[in-house]
Amino acid sequence: MKPIEILLIEDNPGDVRLTIEALQEARVANHLSFAKDGEEAIAFLQNTEGKNPFPDLILLDLNLPRISGAEVLEFIKNNGLLKRIPVVILTTSQAEQDIVKTYNLHANCYINKPVDFDKFIHVIRMIGDFWLHVVKLPPR
């Protein structure tokens, strides 16, 4: 299977390490790029026709510095080139207003990050299975 390009937008270094470990443990074939805040994420996405790889899937935290995850999602879904990229909200927020807001902005799914490592691996494995084996991703 050809690796997919995943963009992880996450400001917490611990969650970045946990996600990397979970992707490796789940054996999700991928190339992973990172953005540590909303501003860096938008800059990365604006340069996908240049030096940055075009993501097949975006894992987006909501609680980001500088530019919020919701604003990044809105930028993605209002951009003709980017709007077809599936965006998985992967966040600790369980607030109903966050769930409603992100679905109104056309998030593809909303997942609460488990704090338990084994449960987190299971969630990442399920994300990988669904987005890599069940769903047909749009062409780049």
Protein backbone atom coordinates (compact mmCIF):
# COMPACT_ATOMS: atom_id res chain seq x y z
CA MET A 1 0.00 0.00 0.00
CA LYS A 2 1.26 3.46 -0.92
CA PRO A 3 1.92 5.69 2.11
CA ILE A 4 -0.47 8.56 2.56
CA GLU A 5 0.44 12.09 3.53
CA ILE A 6 -0.87 13.05 6.97
CA LEU A 7 -0.67 16.56 8.36
CA LEU A 8 -0.84 16.64 12.16
CA ILE A 9 -1.75 20.07 13.53
CA GLU A 10 -1.01 19.89 17.24
CA ASP A 11 0.64 22.29 19.68
CA ASN A 12 1.31 19.86 22.54
CA PRO A 13 4.69 18.09 22.07
CA GLY A 14 3.51 15.22 24.27
CA ASP A 15 0.45 14.65 22.07
CA VAL A 16 2.66 14.84 18.95
CA ARG A 17 4.93 12.10 20.36
CA LEU A 18 1.91 10.06 21.43
CA THR A 19 0.38 10.35 17.95
CA ILE A 20 3.64 9.31 16.27
CA GLU A 21 3.94 6.30 18.59
CA ALA A 22 0.30 5.38 18.04
CA LEU A 23 0.64 5.62 14.24
CA GLN A 24 3.73 3.39 14.40
CA GLU A 25 2.08 0.94 16.80
CA ALA A 26 -1.05 0.84 14.63
CA ARG A 27 1.15 0.28 11.55
CA VAL A 28 -0.50 3.09 9.65
CA ALA A 29 1.53 3.56 6.45
CA ASN A 30 2.14 7.27 6.17
CA HIS A 31 4.40 10.24 5.82
CA LEU A 32 3.71 12.61 8.67
CA SER A 33 4.15 16.39 8.58
CA PHE A 34 3.56 18.68 11.56
CA ALA A 35 2.36 22.16 12.33
CA LYS A 36 2.58 23.39 15.93
CA ASP A 37 -0.05 26.13 15.69
CA GLY A 38 -2.77 27.46 13.43
CA GLU A 39 -0.57 30.05 11.77
CA GLU A 40 2.07 27.44 10.89
CA ALA A 41 -0.65 25.09 9.59
CA ILE A 42 -2.06 27.71 7.22
CA ALA A 43 1.43 28.63 6.00
CA PHE A 44 2.15 24.92 5.39
CA LEU A 45 -1.10 24.45 3.46
CA GLN A 46 -0.50 27.57 1.36
CA ASN A 47 2.76 26.02 0.16
CA THR A 48 1.50 22.55 -0.86
CA GLU A 49 2.14 23.34 -4.50
CA GLY A 50 5.72 24.25 -3.58
CA LYS A 51 7.94 22.48 -1.09
CA ASN A 52 5.35 20.93 1.26
CA PRO A 53 3.58 17.64 0.55
CA PHE A 54 -0.13 17.82 -0.20
CA PRO A 55 -1.94 16.07 2.68
CA ASP A 56 -4.34 13.20 2.06
CA LEU A 57 -5.63 13.50 5.63
CA ILE A 58 -5.44 16.18 8.33
CA LEU A 59 -5.55 15.48 12.07
CA LEU A 60 -6.49 18.79 13.68
CA ASP A 61 -6.50 19.82 17.33
CA LEU A 62 -8.91 22.63 18.17
CA ASN A 63 -7.03 24.31 20.99
CA LEU A 64 -4.17 25.91 19.08
CA PRO A 65 -2.24 29.11 19.75
CA ARG A 66 -2.22 32.09 17.38
CA ILE A 67 -4.98 30.82 15.08
CA SER A 68 -7.55 28.37 16.47
CA GLY A 69 -8.24 24.94 15.04
CA ALA A 70 -11.72 26.10 14.03
CA GLU A 71 -10.20 28.96 12.04
CA VAL A 72 -7.77 26.54 10.36
CA LEU A 73 -10.70 24.27 9.50
CA GLU A 74 -12.61 27.22 8.04
CA PHE A 75 -9.55 28.18 5.95
CA ILE A 76 -9.26 24.61 4.62
CA LYS A 77 -12.92 24.18 3.78
CA ASN A 78 -13.13 27.60 2.06
CA ASN A 79 -10.13 26.90 -0.18
CA GLY A 80 -10.94 25.31 -3.54
CA LEU A 81 -7.72 23.29 -3.63
CA LEU A 82 -7.85 22.08 -0.02
CA LYS A 83 -11.54 21.63 0.76
CA ARG A 84 -11.68 17.97 -0.30
CA ILE A 85 -8.98 16.94 2.20
CA PRO A 86 -10.63 14.97 5.00
CA VAL A 87 -10.18 16.73 8.33
CA VAL A 88 -10.39 14.68 11.51
CA ILE A 89 -10.84 16.80 14.61
CA LEU A 90 -8.74 15.08 17.29
CA THR A 91 -9.11 17.05 20.49
CA THR A 92 -9.65 16.85 24.22
CA SER A 93 -12.64 19.20 24.02
CA GLN A 94 -15.97 17.57 24.69
CA ALA A 95 -17.86 20.85 24.51
CA GLU A 96 -21.06 20.58 22.51
CA GLN A 97 -20.51 24.02 20.96
CA ASP A 98 -17.11 22.84 19.60
CA ILE A 99 -18.68 19.74 18.10
CA VAL A 100 -21.50 21.71 16.46
CA LYS A 101 -19.19 24.48 15.27
CA THR A 102 -16.70 22.12 13.61
CA TYR A 103 -19.40 20.10 11.87
CA ASN A 104 -20.94 23.35 10.66
CA LEU A 105 -17.50 24.15 9.22
CA HIS A 106 -17.57 20.76 7.42
CA ALA A 107 -15.21 18.70 9.59
CA ASN A 108 -15.30 15.09 8.44
CA CYS A 109 -15.40 13.70 11.97
CA TYR A 110 -14.89 14.71 15.59
CA ILE A 111 -12.95 12.44 17.93
CA ASN A 112 -12.09 12.99 21.57
CA LYS A 113 -8.46 12.12 22.37
CA PRO A 114 -8.33 9.35 24.93
CA VAL A 115 -5.81 9.99 27.70
CA ASP A 116 -5.01 6.28 28.06
CA PHE A 117 -2.20 5.25 25.65
CA ASP A 118 -3.77 1.88 24.72
CA LYS A 119 -7.11 3.54 23.98
CA PHE A 120 -5.34 6.26 22.00
CA ILE A 121 -3.57 3.59 19.90
CA HIS A 122 -6.94 1.93 19.31
CA VAL A 123 -8.46 5.24 18.14
CA ILE A 124 -5.52 5.94 15.81
CA ARG A 125 -5.73 2.39 14.44
CA MET A 126 -9.45 2.90 13.77
CA ILE A 127 -8.75 6.25 12.07
CA GLY A 128 -6.11 4.54 9.92
CA ASP A 129 -8.34 1.57 9.08
CA PHE A 130 -11.25 3.79 8.14
CA TRP A 131 -9.41 6.47 6.15
CA LEU A 132 -6.91 4.08 4.50
CA HIS A 133 -8.94 0.92 3.90
CA VAL A 134 -12.64 1.77 3.92
CA VAL A 135 -12.80 5.25 2.40
CA LYS A 136 -11.72 6.16 -1.10
CA LEU A 137 -9.71 9.39 -0.73
CA PRO A 138 -9.99 12.10 -3.38
CA PRO A 139 -7.10 12.51 -5.82
CA ARG A 140 -4.42 15.04 -4.92
